[in-house]
Structures are given as structure tokens and as C-alpha cells.
Amino acid sequence: MAPKPTTPTGCWSKVSPPPTRVAALNELADRGLTQRSPDPNERRRSIITITRAENRRLRRLEKILADVQDELLARVCCAGRRARLDRA
């Protein structure tokens, strides 16, 4: 499932002051990681989405992570494994 689009405010609402958020979002867009488009419901806002290429990369990384978890937890029984992953 693809990540849901969010607004710049939604990305870092409690992490950094607005100028830092804008700079971070500009850097992500400059690197081709995200796309910014106008919010059809609010002219003053932008919608930030991950690019298709980065979405594909994210899926590959998620698969690698799952494979590593499988390898590391191979000796743990299924119930214990699920419990450990749920706590993480």
C-alpha cells in the first residue's frame, strides 16, 4: 500500500519550526524524493507525496528488512516471533 499524501504541516508539525520544515521539504523535492502539488481544498497548502521511484525503493527496502528479520528470527517459534515483532 502506498503512503498517504500529507501536507507540509503534517510532516513535521511538532518536530521543527516552519522555516526548517520548508527547507527540508525543498531538499526532498530537489533530490527527487517527493512531489509538491497544490491542495485543491486549500490554496495556501501543498500536498506532499513520495515519488513513484522512491515508492519502489521503499518497497524494496521493506522487503530487505523483512528478509533480515526472517533470518534473524528464524530460530524463534512463530508465536514468540510475532510477539517480539509486535513489541518492536
N, C-alpha and C. Protein backbone atom coordinates (compact mmCIF):
# COMPACT_ATOMS: atom_id res chain seq x y z
N MET A 1 0.85 -1.17 0.00
CA MET A 1 0.00 0.00 0.00
C MET A 1 0.90 1.24 0.00
N ALA A 2 0.61 2.19 -0.83
CA ALA A 2 1.38 3.42 -0.93
C ALA A 2 1.09 4.33 0.26
N PRO A 3 2.13 5.04 0.70
CA PRO A 3 1.89 6.00 1.79
C PRO A 3 0.89 7.06 1.37
N LYS A 4 0.10 7.52 2.33
CA LYS A 4 -0.89 8.55 2.03
C LYS A 4 -0.21 9.91 1.90
N PRO A 5 -0.66 10.73 0.97
CA PRO A 5 -0.11 12.08 0.87
C PRO A 5 -0.39 12.87 2.13
N THR A 6 0.45 13.81 2.41
CA THR A 6 0.24 14.66 3.58
C THR A 6 0.64 16.09 3.23
N THR A 7 0.31 16.99 4.09
CA THR A 7 0.69 18.38 3.89
C THR A 7 2.04 18.62 4.55
N PRO A 8 2.73 19.70 4.20
CA PRO A 8 3.99 20.00 4.88
C PRO A 8 3.81 20.08 6.40
N THR A 9 2.72 20.67 6.83
CA THR A 9 2.46 20.77 8.26
C THR A 9 2.32 19.39 8.87
N GLY A 10 1.67 18.49 8.15
CA GLY A 10 1.51 17.13 8.65
C GLY A 10 2.82 16.38 8.78
N CYS A 11 3.79 16.73 7.96
CA CYS A 11 5.09 16.03 8.00
C CYS A 11 5.84 16.30 9.29
N TRP A 12 5.95 17.57 9.66
CA TRP A 12 6.79 17.93 10.79
C TRP A 12 6.10 18.87 11.77
N SER A 13 4.84 18.68 11.99
CA SER A 13 4.09 19.65 12.78
C SER A 13 4.66 19.88 14.18
N LYS A 14 5.26 18.87 14.79
CA LYS A 14 5.76 19.05 16.14
C LYS A 14 7.27 18.84 16.23
N VAL A 15 7.94 18.74 15.10
CA VAL A 15 9.35 18.42 15.12
C VAL A 15 10.24 19.64 14.94
N SER A 16 9.86 20.54 14.06
CA SER A 16 10.73 21.67 13.76
C SER A 16 9.91 22.91 13.44
N PRO A 17 10.53 24.07 13.57
CA PRO A 17 9.82 25.29 13.21
C PRO A 17 9.58 25.36 11.70
N PRO A 18 8.58 26.12 11.26
CA PRO A 18 8.21 26.17 9.84
C PRO A 18 9.36 26.41 8.86
N PRO A 19 10.29 27.36 9.08
CA PRO A 19 11.35 27.54 8.07
C PRO A 19 12.18 26.28 7.85
N THR A 20 12.42 25.53 8.92
CA THR A 20 13.18 24.29 8.80
C THR A 20 12.39 23.25 8.03
N ARG A 21 11.09 23.20 8.26
CA ARG A 21 10.23 22.25 7.53
C ARG A 21 10.27 22.55 6.05
N VAL A 22 10.14 23.81 5.69
CA VAL A 22 10.14 24.20 4.27
C VAL A 22 11.46 23.83 3.64
N ALA A 23 12.56 24.12 4.32
CA ALA A 23 13.89 23.79 3.79
C ALA A 23 14.03 22.28 3.60
N ALA A 24 13.56 21.50 4.57
CA ALA A 24 13.64 20.04 4.47
C ALA A 24 12.80 19.53 3.31
N LEU A 25 11.60 20.06 3.17
CA LEU A 25 10.74 19.64 2.06
C LEU A 25 11.33 20.06 0.72
N ASN A 26 11.93 21.24 0.66
CA ASN A 26 12.59 21.67 -0.58
C ASN A 26 13.73 20.73 -0.93
N GLU A 27 14.50 20.33 0.06
CA GLU A 27 15.62 19.41 -0.19
C GLU A 27 15.11 18.07 -0.70
N LEU A 28 14.05 17.55 -0.09
CA LEU A 28 13.48 16.28 -0.55
C LEU A 28 13.00 16.39 -2.00
N ALA A 29 12.36 17.50 -2.34
CA ALA A 29 11.88 17.71 -3.71
C ALA A 29 13.06 17.88 -4.67
N ASP A 30 14.09 18.62 -4.25
CA ASP A 30 15.27 18.82 -5.10
C ASP A 30 15.98 17.50 -5.40
N ARG A 31 15.93 16.59 -4.45
CA ARG A 31 16.57 15.28 -4.63
C ARG A 31 15.67 14.31 -5.38
N GLY A 32 14.46 14.73 -5.75
CA GLY A 32 13.55 13.87 -6.50
C GLY A 32 12.84 12.83 -5.65
N LEU A 33 12.81 13.04 -4.35
CA LEU A 33 12.19 12.07 -3.45
C LEU A 33 10.71 12.33 -3.25
N THR A 34 10.30 13.58 -3.38
CA THR A 34 8.90 13.94 -3.18
C THR A 34 8.43 14.87 -4.28
N GLN A 35 7.12 15.00 -4.37
CA GLN A 35 6.50 15.94 -5.30
C GLN A 35 5.55 16.82 -4.49
N ARG A 36 5.49 18.05 -4.87
CA ARG A 36 4.60 19.00 -4.21
C ARG A 36 3.53 19.42 -5.21
N SER A 37 2.28 19.40 -4.79
CA SER A 37 1.20 19.85 -5.66
C SER A 37 0.22 20.67 -4.82
N PRO A 38 -0.53 21.56 -5.46
CA PRO A 38 -1.48 22.39 -4.70
C PRO A 38 -2.60 21.55 -4.10
N ASP A 39 -3.02 21.92 -2.92
CA ASP A 39 -4.15 21.28 -2.27
C ASP A 39 -5.42 21.84 -2.92
N PRO A 40 -6.24 21.01 -3.53
CA PRO A 40 -7.43 21.52 -4.21
C PRO A 40 -8.46 22.14 -3.25
N ASN A 41 -8.36 21.80 -1.97
CA ASN A 41 -9.32 22.31 -0.99
C ASN A 41 -8.84 23.55 -0.24
N GLU A 42 -7.56 23.83 -0.33
CA GLU A 42 -6.99 24.95 0.42
C GLU A 42 -5.81 25.52 -0.36
N ARG A 43 -6.00 26.67 -0.98
CA ARG A 43 -4.99 27.27 -1.87
C ARG A 43 -3.65 27.51 -1.19
N ARG A 44 -3.66 27.77 0.10
CA ARG A 44 -2.42 28.11 0.80
C ARG A 44 -1.58 26.90 1.16
N ARG A 45 -2.12 25.72 0.98
CA ARG A 45 -1.40 24.49 1.35
C ARG A 45 -0.92 23.74 0.13
N SER A 46 0.07 22.88 0.36
CA SER A 46 0.57 21.98 -0.67
C SER A 46 0.38 20.55 -0.19
N ILE A 47 0.24 19.65 -1.15
CA ILE A 47 0.19 18.22 -0.86
C ILE A 47 1.56 17.66 -1.20
N ILE A 48 2.14 16.92 -0.27
CA ILE A 48 3.46 16.32 -0.47
C ILE A 48 3.26 14.81 -0.64
N THR A 49 3.79 14.27 -1.73
CA THR A 49 3.72 12.83 -1.96
C THR A 49 5.10 12.30 -2.30
N ILE A 50 5.33 11.04 -1.97
CA ILE A 50 6.57 10.38 -2.34
C ILE A 50 6.50 10.08 -3.85
N THR A 51 7.62 10.18 -4.54
CA THR A 51 7.62 9.91 -5.98
C THR A 51 7.47 8.41 -6.23
N ARG A 52 7.07 8.06 -7.43
CA ARG A 52 6.92 6.64 -7.78
C ARG A 52 8.23 5.89 -7.62
N ALA A 53 9.32 6.51 -8.08
CA ALA A 53 10.64 5.87 -7.97
C ALA A 53 10.99 5.61 -6.51
N GLU A 54 10.74 6.58 -5.65
CA GLU A 54 11.05 6.41 -4.24
C GLU A 54 10.09 5.43 -3.58
N ASN A 55 8.86 5.37 -4.05
CA ASN A 55 7.92 4.37 -3.54
C ASN A 55 8.43 2.97 -3.86
N ARG A 56 8.95 2.78 -5.08
CA ARG A 56 9.52 1.47 -5.45
C ARG A 56 10.73 1.15 -4.57
N ARG A 57 11.58 2.16 -4.33
CA ARG A 57 12.74 1.94 -3.48
C ARG A 57 12.30 1.58 -2.06
N LEU A 58 11.29 2.26 -1.56
CA LEU A 58 10.77 1.96 -0.24
C LEU A 58 10.28 0.52 -0.16
N ARG A 59 9.56 0.05 -1.18
CA ARG A 59 9.08 -1.34 -1.20
C ARG A 59 10.25 -2.32 -1.18
N ARG A 60 11.31 -2.03 -1.96
CA ARG A 60 12.50 -2.90 -1.97
C ARG A 60 13.14 -2.94 -0.58
N LEU A 61 13.26 -1.77 0.05
CA LEU A 61 13.85 -1.71 1.38
C LEU A 61 13.00 -2.45 2.41
N GLU A 62 11.68 -2.35 2.29
CA GLU A 62 10.80 -3.09 3.19
C GLU A 62 10.98 -4.59 3.03
N LYS A 63 11.17 -5.04 1.79
CA LYS A 63 11.41 -6.47 1.52
C LYS A 63 12.73 -6.90 2.14
N ILE A 64 13.77 -6.10 1.95
CA ILE A 64 15.08 -6.42 2.54
C ILE A 64 14.96 -6.51 4.06
N LEU A 65 14.27 -5.55 4.66
CA LEU A 65 14.08 -5.55 6.11
C LEU A 65 13.34 -6.82 6.55
N ALA A 66 12.29 -7.18 5.83
CA ALA A 66 11.53 -8.39 6.18
C ALA A 66 12.42 -9.63 6.07
N ASP A 67 13.25 -9.69 5.03
CA ASP A 67 14.16 -10.84 4.86
C ASP A 67 15.17 -10.91 6.00
N VAL A 68 15.71 -9.76 6.40
CA VAL A 68 16.66 -9.73 7.51
C VAL A 68 15.97 -10.17 8.80
N GLN A 69 14.76 -9.68 9.04
CA GLN A 69 14.02 -10.09 10.24
C GLN A 69 13.77 -11.59 10.21
N ASP A 70 13.39 -12.13 9.04
CA ASP A 70 13.16 -13.57 8.92
C ASP A 70 14.43 -14.34 9.26
N GLU A 71 15.55 -13.88 8.75
CA GLU A 71 16.82 -14.57 9.00
C GLU A 71 17.20 -14.50 10.48
N LEU A 72 17.07 -13.32 11.07
CA LEU A 72 17.46 -13.15 12.47
C LEU A 72 16.54 -13.90 13.43
N LEU A 73 15.28 -14.01 13.06
CA LEU A 73 14.30 -14.63 13.95
C LEU A 73 13.94 -16.05 13.56
N ALA A 74 14.71 -16.65 12.66
CA ALA A 74 14.38 -17.98 12.14
C ALA A 74 14.29 -19.04 13.23
N ARG A 75 15.06 -18.88 14.29
CA ARG A 75 15.07 -19.89 15.35
C ARG A 75 14.00 -19.69 16.40
N VAL A 76 13.28 -18.60 16.31
CA VAL A 76 12.24 -18.31 17.29
C VAL A 76 10.92 -18.90 16.78
N CYS A 77 10.17 -19.52 17.66
CA CYS A 77 8.90 -20.11 17.23
C CYS A 77 7.95 -19.02 16.73
N CYS A 78 7.00 -19.39 15.95
CA CYS A 78 6.09 -18.42 15.32
C CYS A 78 5.40 -17.51 16.33
N ALA A 79 4.86 -18.05 17.39
CA ALA A 79 4.14 -17.23 18.36
C ALA A 79 5.08 -16.25 19.05
N GLY A 80 6.25 -16.73 19.45
CA GLY A 80 7.23 -15.87 20.09
C GLY A 80 7.73 -14.80 19.14
N ARG A 81 7.89 -15.17 17.89
CA ARG A 81 8.36 -14.23 16.87
C ARG A 81 7.35 -13.10 16.69
N ARG A 82 6.08 -13.47 16.56
CA ARG A 82 5.05 -12.46 16.39
C ARG A 82 5.01 -11.51 17.58
N ALA A 83 5.12 -12.07 18.77
CA ALA A 83 5.09 -11.25 19.98
C ALA A 83 6.26 -10.27 20.00
N ARG A 84 7.43 -10.72 19.60
CA ARG A 84 8.59 -9.84 19.56
C ARG A 84 8.42 -8.72 18.54
N LEU A 85 7.90 -9.05 17.37
CA LEU A 85 7.70 -8.05 16.33
C LEU A 85 6.62 -7.05 16.72
N ASP A 86 5.59 -7.53 17.39
CA ASP A 86 4.52 -6.63 17.82
C ASP A 86 5.00 -5.62 18.85
N ARG A 87 5.96 -6.00 19.67
CA ARG A 87 6.50 -5.10 20.69
C ARG A 87 7.49 -4.10 20.10
N ALA A 88 8.05 -4.38 18.94
CA ALA A 88 9.08 -3.51 18.35
C ALA A 88 8.50 -2.23 17.82
